[in-house]
């Protein structure tokens, strides 16, 4: 589900909006693909599974890019 800065200016609120649109019951697991420190902080605060894309930060779940796609999807919970 898509949410953007048109929904709110704060990243965490955008993520909450996307979650509610995708799963109003809030029972399905969420995986977030991000590339920056604020993504790490937001996911920690919300308890969201994070996969870091790129090499800007270290994280236990990290991919260089989305190719091959199956490598990225193995982290989805």
PDB file of N, CA and C in Angstrom:
ATOM      1  N   UNK A   1       0.846  -1.160   0.000  1.00  0.00           N
ATOM      2  CA  UNK A   1       0.000   0.000   0.000  1.00  0.00           C
ATOM      3  C   UNK A   1       0.896   1.228   0.000  1.00  0.00           C
ATOM      4  N   UNK A   2       0.451   2.257  -0.628  1.00  0.00           N
ATOM      5  CA  UNK A   2       1.256   3.458  -0.798  1.00  0.00           C
ATOM      6  C   UNK A   2       0.777   4.578   0.122  1.00  0.00           C
ATOM      7  N   UNK A   3       1.721   5.205   0.761  1.00  0.00           N
ATOM      8  CA  UNK A   3       1.487   6.443   1.498  1.00  0.00           C
ATOM      9  C   UNK A   3       2.684   7.332   1.202  1.00  0.00           C
ATOM     10  N   UNK A   4       2.482   8.641   1.260  1.00  0.00           N
ATOM     11  CA  UNK A   4       3.561   9.555   0.896  1.00  0.00           C
ATOM     12  C   UNK A   4       3.523  10.798   1.772  1.00  0.00           C
ATOM     13  N   UNK A   5       4.410  11.733   1.456  1.00  0.00           N
ATOM     14  CA  UNK A   5       4.454  12.988   2.205  1.00  0.00           C
ATOM     15  C   UNK A   5       3.194  13.827   1.999  1.00  0.00           C
ATOM     16  N   UNK A   6       2.362  13.442   1.060  1.00  0.00           N
ATOM     17  CA  UNK A   6       1.059  14.103   0.927  1.00  0.00           C
ATOM     18  C   UNK A   6       0.136  13.730   2.085  1.00  0.00           C
ATOM     19  N   UNK A   7       0.415  12.596   2.724  1.00  0.00           N
ATOM     20  CA  UNK A   7      -0.403  12.135   3.843  1.00  0.00           C
ATOM     21  C   UNK A   7       0.019  12.774   5.165  1.00  0.00           C
ATOM     22  N   UNK A   8       1.302  13.033   5.312  1.00  0.00           N
ATOM     23  CA  UNK A   8       1.831  13.639   6.540  1.00  0.00           C
ATOM     24  C   UNK A   8       3.280  14.023   6.278  1.00  0.00           C
ATOM     25  N   UNK A   9       3.803  14.938   7.066  1.00  0.00           N
ATOM     26  CA  UNK A   9       5.198  15.358   6.886  1.00  0.00           C
ATOM     27  C   UNK A   9       6.185  14.460   7.635  1.00  0.00           C
ATOM     28  N   UNK A  10       5.717  13.744   8.654  1.00  0.00           N
ATOM     29  CA  UNK A  10       6.601  12.902   9.467  1.00  0.00           C
ATOM     30  C   UNK A  10       6.629  11.473   8.940  1.00  0.00           C
ATOM     31  N   UNK A  11       7.819  10.939   8.803  1.00  0.00           N
ATOM     32  CA  UNK A  11       8.003   9.586   8.260  1.00  0.00           C
ATOM     33  C   UNK A  11       7.209   8.546   9.041  1.00  0.00           C
ATOM     34  N   UNK A  12       7.248   8.607  10.351  1.00  0.00           N
ATOM     35  CA  UNK A  12       6.534   7.618  11.154  1.00  0.00           C
ATOM     36  C   UNK A  12       5.035   7.682  10.891  1.00  0.00           C
ATOM     37  N   UNK A  13       4.491   8.861  10.762  1.00  0.00           N
ATOM     38  CA  UNK A  13       3.059   9.001  10.485  1.00  0.00           C
ATOM     39  C   UNK A  13       2.715   8.483   9.081  1.00  0.00           C
ATOM     40  N   UNK A  14       3.620   8.692   8.133  1.00  0.00           N
ATOM     41  CA  UNK A  14       3.420   8.149   6.779  1.00  0.00           C
ATOM     42  C   UNK A  14       3.400   6.627   6.845  1.00  0.00           C
ATOM     43  N   UNK A  15       4.321   6.046   7.600  1.00  0.00           N
ATOM     44  CA  UNK A  15       4.371   4.596   7.741  1.00  0.00           C
ATOM     45  C   UNK A  15       3.111   4.070   8.423  1.00  0.00           C
ATOM     46  N   UNK A  16       2.627   4.769   9.438  1.00  0.00           N
ATOM     47  CA  UNK A  16       1.386   4.355  10.106  1.00  0.00           C
ATOM     48  C   UNK A  16       0.210   4.404   9.134  1.00  0.00           C
ATOM     49  N   UNK A  17       0.166   5.423   8.313  1.00  0.00           N
ATOM     50  CA  UNK A  17      -0.904   5.559   7.325  1.00  0.00           C
ATOM     51  C   UNK A  17      -0.875   4.402   6.331  1.00  0.00           C
ATOM     52  N   UNK A  18       0.316   4.057   5.849  1.00  0.00           N
ATOM     53  CA  UNK A  18       0.442   2.934   4.913  1.00  0.00           C
ATOM     54  C   UNK A  18       0.009   1.636   5.573  1.00  0.00           C
ATOM     55  N   UNK A  19       0.403   1.447   6.817  1.00  0.00           N
ATOM     56  CA  UNK A  19       0.024   0.223   7.537  1.00  0.00           C
ATOM     57  C   UNK A  19      -1.487   0.116   7.675  1.00  0.00           C
ATOM     58  N   UNK A  20      -2.139   1.194   8.052  1.00  0.00           N
ATOM     59  CA  UNK A  20      -3.597   1.165   8.228  1.00  0.00           C
ATOM     60  C   UNK A  20      -4.315   0.897   6.903  1.00  0.00           C
ATOM     61  N   UNK A  21      -3.799   1.424   5.826  1.00  0.00           N
ATOM     62  CA  UNK A  21      -4.407   1.180   4.515  1.00  0.00           C
ATOM     63  C   UNK A  21      -4.229  -0.269   4.081  1.00  0.00           C
ATOM     64  N   UNK A  22      -3.077  -0.834   4.372  1.00  0.00           N
ATOM     65  CA  UNK A  22      -2.789  -2.204   3.951  1.00  0.00           C
ATOM     66  C   UNK A  22      -3.459  -3.235   4.851  1.00  0.00           C
ATOM     67  N   UNK A  23      -3.535  -2.918   6.139  1.00  0.00           N
ATOM     68  CA  UNK A  23      -4.055  -3.890   7.105  1.00  0.00           C
ATOM     69  C   UNK A  23      -4.728  -3.157   8.265  1.00  0.00           C
ATOM     70  N   UNK A  24      -5.990  -2.780   8.118  1.00  0.00           N
ATOM     71  CA  UNK A  24      -6.693  -2.055   9.179  1.00  0.00           C
ATOM     72  C   UNK A  24      -6.733  -2.804  10.513  1.00  0.00           C
ATOM     73  N   UNK A  25      -6.582  -4.127  10.484  1.00  0.00           N
ATOM     74  CA  UNK A  25      -6.595  -4.905  11.732  1.00  0.00           C
ATOM     75  C   UNK A  25      -5.238  -4.888  12.435  1.00  0.00           C
ATOM     76  N   UNK A  26      -4.212  -4.436  11.728  1.00  0.00           N
ATOM     77  CA  UNK A  26      -2.857  -4.359  12.276  1.00  0.00           C
ATOM     78  C   UNK A  26      -2.366  -5.722  12.770  1.00  0.00           C
ATOM     79  N   UNK A  27      -2.671  -6.767  12.011  1.00  0.00           N
ATOM     80  CA  UNK A  27      -2.260  -8.112  12.410  1.00  0.00           C
ATOM     81  C   UNK A  27      -1.215  -8.726  11.484  1.00  0.00           C
ATOM     82  N   UNK A  28      -1.045  -8.163  10.292  1.00  0.00           N
ATOM     83  CA  UNK A  28      -0.076  -8.715   9.346  1.00  0.00           C
ATOM     84  C   UNK A  28       1.312  -8.131   9.592  1.00  0.00           C
ATOM     85  N   UNK A  29       2.359  -8.926   9.396  1.00  0.00           N
ATOM     86  CA  UNK A  29       3.716  -8.386   9.556  1.00  0.00           C
ATOM     87  C   UNK A  29       4.035  -7.399   8.436  1.00  0.00           C
ATOM     88  N   UNK A  30       4.882  -6.435   8.748  1.00  0.00           N
ATOM     89  CA  UNK A  30       5.285  -5.399   7.799  1.00  0.00           C
ATOM     90  C   UNK A  30       6.792  -5.476   7.605  1.00  0.00           C
ATOM     91  N   UNK A  31       7.231  -5.385   6.356  1.00  0.00           N
ATOM     92  CA  UNK A  31       8.653  -5.253   6.045  1.00  0.00           C
ATOM     93  C   UNK A  31       8.845  -3.949   5.293  1.00  0.00           C
ATOM     94  N   UNK A  32       9.803  -3.160   5.749  1.00  0.00           N
ATOM     95  CA  UNK A  32      10.089  -1.842   5.180  1.00  0.00           C
ATOM     96  C   UNK A  32      11.476  -1.874   4.569  1.00  0.00           C
ATOM     97  N   UNK A  33      11.590  -1.410   3.341  1.00  0.00           N
ATOM     98  CA  UNK A  33      12.880  -1.291   2.676  1.00  0.00           C
ATOM     99  C   UNK A  33      13.271   0.179   2.705  1.00  0.00           C
ATOM    100  N   UNK A  34      14.414   0.483   3.316  1.00  0.00           N
ATOM    101  CA  UNK A  34      14.860   1.863   3.425  1.00  0.00           C
ATOM    102  C   UNK A  34      16.354   1.968   3.229  1.00  0.00           C
ATOM    103  N   UNK A  35      16.841   3.220   3.208  1.00  0.00           N
ATOM    104  CA  UNK A  35      18.276   3.398   2.943  1.00  0.00           C
ATOM    105  C   UNK A  35      18.932   4.450   3.819  1.00  0.00           C
ATOM    106  N   UNK A  36      18.256   4.897   4.858  1.00  0.00           N
ATOM    107  CA  UNK A  36      18.824   5.994   5.639  1.00  0.00           C
ATOM    108  C   UNK A  36      18.615   5.781   7.136  1.00  0.00           C
ATOM    109  N   UNK A  37      19.330   6.563   7.911  1.00  0.00           N
ATOM    110  CA  UNK A  37      19.279   6.462   9.367  1.00  0.00           C
ATOM    111  C   UNK A  37      17.861   6.682   9.904  1.00  0.00           C
ATOM    112  N   UNK A  38      17.122   7.604   9.297  1.00  0.00           N
ATOM    113  CA  UNK A  38      15.755   7.857   9.790  1.00  0.00           C
ATOM    114  C   UNK A  38      14.854   6.655   9.552  1.00  0.00           C
ATOM    115  N   UNK A  39      15.142   5.856   8.530  1.00  0.00           N
ATOM    116  CA  UNK A  39      14.380   4.632   8.301  1.00  0.00           C
ATOM    117  C   UNK A  39      14.630   3.646   9.446  1.00  0.00           C
ATOM    118  N   UNK A  40      15.888   3.543   9.865  1.00  0.00           N
ATOM    119  CA  UNK A  40      16.248   2.667  10.982  1.00  0.00           C
ATOM    120  C   UNK A  40      15.503   3.110  12.237  1.00  0.00           C
ATOM    121  N   UNK A  41      15.549   4.382  12.561  1.00  0.00           N
ATOM    122  CA  UNK A  41      14.883   4.897  13.766  1.00  0.00           C
ATOM    123  C   UNK A  41      13.375   4.688  13.712  1.00  0.00           C
ATOM    124  N   UNK A  42      12.773   4.981  12.579  1.00  0.00           N
ATOM    125  CA  UNK A  42      11.319   4.834  12.438  1.00  0.00           C
ATOM    126  C   UNK A  42      10.902   3.381  12.612  1.00  0.00           C
ATOM    127  N   UNK A  43      11.631   2.473  11.989  1.00  0.00           N
ATOM    128  CA  UNK A  43      11.286   1.054  12.090  1.00  0.00           C
ATOM    129  C   UNK A  43      11.474   0.536  13.507  1.00  0.00           C
ATOM    130  N   UNK A  44      12.516   0.983  14.176  1.00  0.00           N
ATOM    131  CA  UNK A  44      12.713   0.596  15.575  1.00  0.00           C
ATOM    132  C   UNK A  44      11.551   1.089  16.428  1.00  0.00           C
ATOM    133  N   UNK A  45      11.152   2.331  16.241  1.00  0.00           N
ATOM    134  CA  UNK A  45      10.068   2.905  17.033  1.00  0.00           C
ATOM    135  C   UNK A  45       8.742   2.194  16.781  1.00  0.00           C
ATOM    136  N   UNK A  46       8.494   1.794  15.551  1.00  0.00           N
ATOM    137  CA  UNK A  46       7.220   1.159  15.198  1.00  0.00           C
ATOM    138  C   UNK A  46       7.254  -0.364  15.292  1.00  0.00           C
ATOM    139  N   UNK A  47       8.429  -0.944  15.515  1.00  0.00           N
ATOM    140  CA  UNK A  47       8.540  -2.394  15.578  1.00  0.00           C
ATOM    141  C   UNK A  47       8.344  -3.057  14.229  1.00  0.00           C
ATOM    142  N   UNK A  48       8.834  -2.402  13.174  1.00  0.00           N
ATOM    143  CA  UNK A  48       8.678  -2.891  11.802  1.00  0.00           C
ATOM    144  C   UNK A  48       9.971  -3.572  11.354  1.00  0.00           C
ATOM    145  N   UNK A  49       9.831  -4.680  10.665  1.00  0.00           N
ATOM    146  CA  UNK A  49      10.981  -5.379  10.091  1.00  0.00           C
ATOM    147  C   UNK A  49      11.625  -4.479   9.038  1.00  0.00           C
ATOM    148  N   UNK A  50      12.916  -4.256   9.151  1.00  0.00           N
ATOM    149  CA  UNK A  50      13.634  -3.358   8.248  1.00  0.00           C
ATOM    150  C   UNK A  50      14.659  -4.123   7.425  1.00  0.00           C
ATOM    151  N   UNK A  51      14.694  -3.820   6.144  1.00  0.00           N
ATOM    152  CA  UNK A  51      15.766  -4.272   5.262  1.00  0.00           C
ATOM    153  C   UNK A  51      16.420  -3.012   4.709  1.00  0.00           C
ATOM    154  N   UNK A  52      17.688  -2.831   5.013  1.00  0.00           N
ATOM    155  CA  UNK A  52      18.411  -1.671   4.504  1.00  0.00           C
ATOM    156  C   UNK A  52      18.885  -1.939   3.085  1.00  0.00           C
ATOM    157  N   UNK A  53      18.728  -0.959   2.236  1.00  0.00           N
ATOM    158  CA  UNK A  53      19.145  -1.068   0.842  1.00  0.00           C
ATOM    159  C   UNK A  53      20.349  -0.153   0.640  1.00  0.00           C
ATOM    160  N   UNK A  54      21.427  -0.713   0.120  1.00  0.00           N
ATOM    161  CA  UNK A  54      22.637   0.075  -0.090  1.00  0.00           C
ATOM    162  C   UNK A  54      23.642  -0.144   1.017  1.00  0.00           C
ATOM    163  N   UNK A  55      24.650   0.697   1.027  1.00  0.00           N
ATOM    164  CA  UNK A  55      25.762   0.503   1.956  1.00  0.00           C
ATOM    165  C   UNK A  55      26.016   1.712   2.849  1.00  0.00           C
ATOM    166  N   UNK A  56      25.013   2.569   3.023  1.00  0.00           N
ATOM    167  CA  UNK A  56      25.195   3.767   3.852  1.00  0.00           C
ATOM    168  C   UNK A  56      25.304   3.446   5.334  1.00  0.00           C
ATOM    169  N   UNK A  57      24.596   2.393   5.794  1.00  0.00           N
ATOM    170  CA  UNK A  57      24.589   2.015   7.200  1.00  0.00           C
ATOM    171  C   UNK A  57      24.716   0.509   7.317  1.00  0.00           C
ATOM    172  N   UNK A  58      25.175   0.070   8.481  1.00  0.00           N
ATOM    173  CA  UNK A  58      25.241  -1.360   8.754  1.00  0.00           C
ATOM    174  C   UNK A  58      23.938  -1.777   9.420  1.00  0.00           C
ATOM    175  N   UNK A  59      23.483  -2.938   9.040  1.00  0.00           N
ATOM    176  CA  UNK A  59      22.264  -3.496   9.619  1.00  0.00           C
ATOM    177  C   UNK A  59      22.299  -4.996   9.376  1.00  0.00           C
ATOM    178  N   UNK A  60      21.692  -5.767  10.266  1.00  0.00           N
ATOM    179  CA  UNK A  60      21.751  -7.225  10.131  1.00  0.00           C
ATOM    180  C   UNK A  60      20.984  -7.738   8.914  1.00  0.00           C
ATOM    181  N   UNK A  61      20.071  -6.947   8.386  1.00  0.00           N
ATOM    182  CA  UNK A  61      19.374  -7.299   7.150  1.00  0.00           C
ATOM    183  C   UNK A  61      19.666  -6.203   6.136  1.00  0.00           C
ATOM    184  N   UNK A  62      20.508  -6.518   5.173  1.00  0.00           N
ATOM    185  CA  UNK A  62      20.909  -5.489   4.206  1.00  0.00           C
ATOM    186  C   UNK A  62      21.110  -6.126   2.849  1.00  0.00           C
ATOM    187  N   UNK A  63      20.684  -5.406   1.827  1.00  0.00           N
ATOM    188  CA  UNK A  63      20.905  -5.825   0.450  1.00  0.00           C
ATOM    189  C   UNK A  63      21.578  -4.676  -0.290  1.00  0.00           C
ATOM    190  N   UNK A  64      22.326  -5.007  -1.307  1.00  0.00           N
ATOM    191  CA  UNK A  64      22.997  -3.975  -2.101  1.00  0.00           C
ATOM    192  C   UNK A  64      21.991  -3.220  -2.961  1.00  0.00           C
ATOM    193  N   UNK A  65      21.083  -3.969  -3.566  1.00  0.00           N
ATOM    194  CA  UNK A  65      20.023  -3.404  -4.394  1.00  0.00           C
ATOM    195  C   UNK A  65      18.943  -4.475  -4.532  1.00  0.00           C
ATOM    196  N   UNK A  66      18.003  -4.274  -5.390  1.00  0.00           N
ATOM    197  CA  UNK A  66      16.888  -5.217  -5.515  1.00  0.00           C
ATOM    198  C   UNK A  66      17.121  -6.305  -6.559  1.00  0.00           C
ATOM    199  N   UNK A  67      18.332  -6.415  -7.040  1.00  0.00           N
ATOM    200  CA  UNK A  67      18.645  -7.443  -8.040  1.00  0.00           C
ATOM    201  C   UNK A  67      19.630  -8.427  -7.439  1.00  0.00           C
ATOM    202  N   UNK A  68      19.367  -9.690  -7.400  1.00  0.00           N
ATOM    203  CA  UNK A  68      18.137 -10.322  -7.852  1.00  0.00           C
ATOM    204  C   UNK A  68      17.015 -10.120  -6.833  1.00  0.00           C
ATOM    205  N   UNK A  69      15.817 -10.064  -7.305  1.00  0.00           N
ATOM    206  CA  UNK A  69      14.652  -9.793  -6.466  1.00  0.00           C
ATOM    207  C   UNK A  69      14.474 -10.838  -5.375  1.00  0.00           C
ATOM    208  N   UNK A  70      14.731 -12.079  -5.661  1.00  0.00           N
ATOM    209  CA  UNK A  70      14.547 -13.119  -4.647  1.00  0.00           C
ATOM    210  C   UNK A  70      15.460 -12.909  -3.442  1.00  0.00           C
ATOM    211  N   UNK A  71      16.621 -12.315  -3.635  1.00  0.00           N
ATOM    212  CA  UNK A  71      17.511 -12.006  -2.513  1.00  0.00           C
ATOM    213  C   UNK A  71      16.876 -10.972  -1.595  1.00  0.00           C
ATOM    214  N   UNK A  72      16.196  -9.995  -2.156  1.00  0.00           N
ATOM    215  CA  UNK A  72      15.512  -8.980  -1.355  1.00  0.00           C
ATOM    216  C   UNK A  72      14.305  -9.576  -0.645  1.00  0.00           C
ATOM    217  N   UNK A  73      13.565 -10.404  -1.324  1.00  0.00           N
ATOM    218  CA  UNK A  73      12.326 -10.948  -0.759  1.00  0.00           C
ATOM    219  C   UNK A  73      12.547 -11.976   0.334  1.00  0.00           C
ATOM    220  N   UNK A  74      13.751 -12.511   0.468  1.00  0.00           N
ATOM    221  CA  UNK A  74      13.977 -13.499   1.525  1.00  0.00           C
ATOM    222  C   UNK A  74      13.865 -12.877   2.915  1.00  0.00           C
ATOM    223  N   UNK A  75      13.936 -11.552   3.014  1.00  0.00           N
ATOM    224  CA  UNK A  75      13.822 -10.873   4.295  1.00  0.00           C
ATOM    225  C   UNK A  75      12.385 -10.505   4.664  1.00  0.00           C
ATOM    226  N   UNK A  76      11.474 -10.638   3.724  1.00  0.00           N
ATOM    227  CA  UNK A  76      10.090 -10.256   3.979  1.00  0.00           C
ATOM    228  C   UNK A  76       9.476 -11.239   4.965  1.00  0.00           C
ATOM    229  N   UNK A  77       8.850 -10.677   5.985  1.00  0.00           N
ATOM    230  CA  UNK A  77       8.206 -11.516   7.018  1.00  0.00           C
ATOM    231  C   UNK A  77       6.722 -11.429   6.884  1.00  0.00           C
TER     232      UNK A  77
END
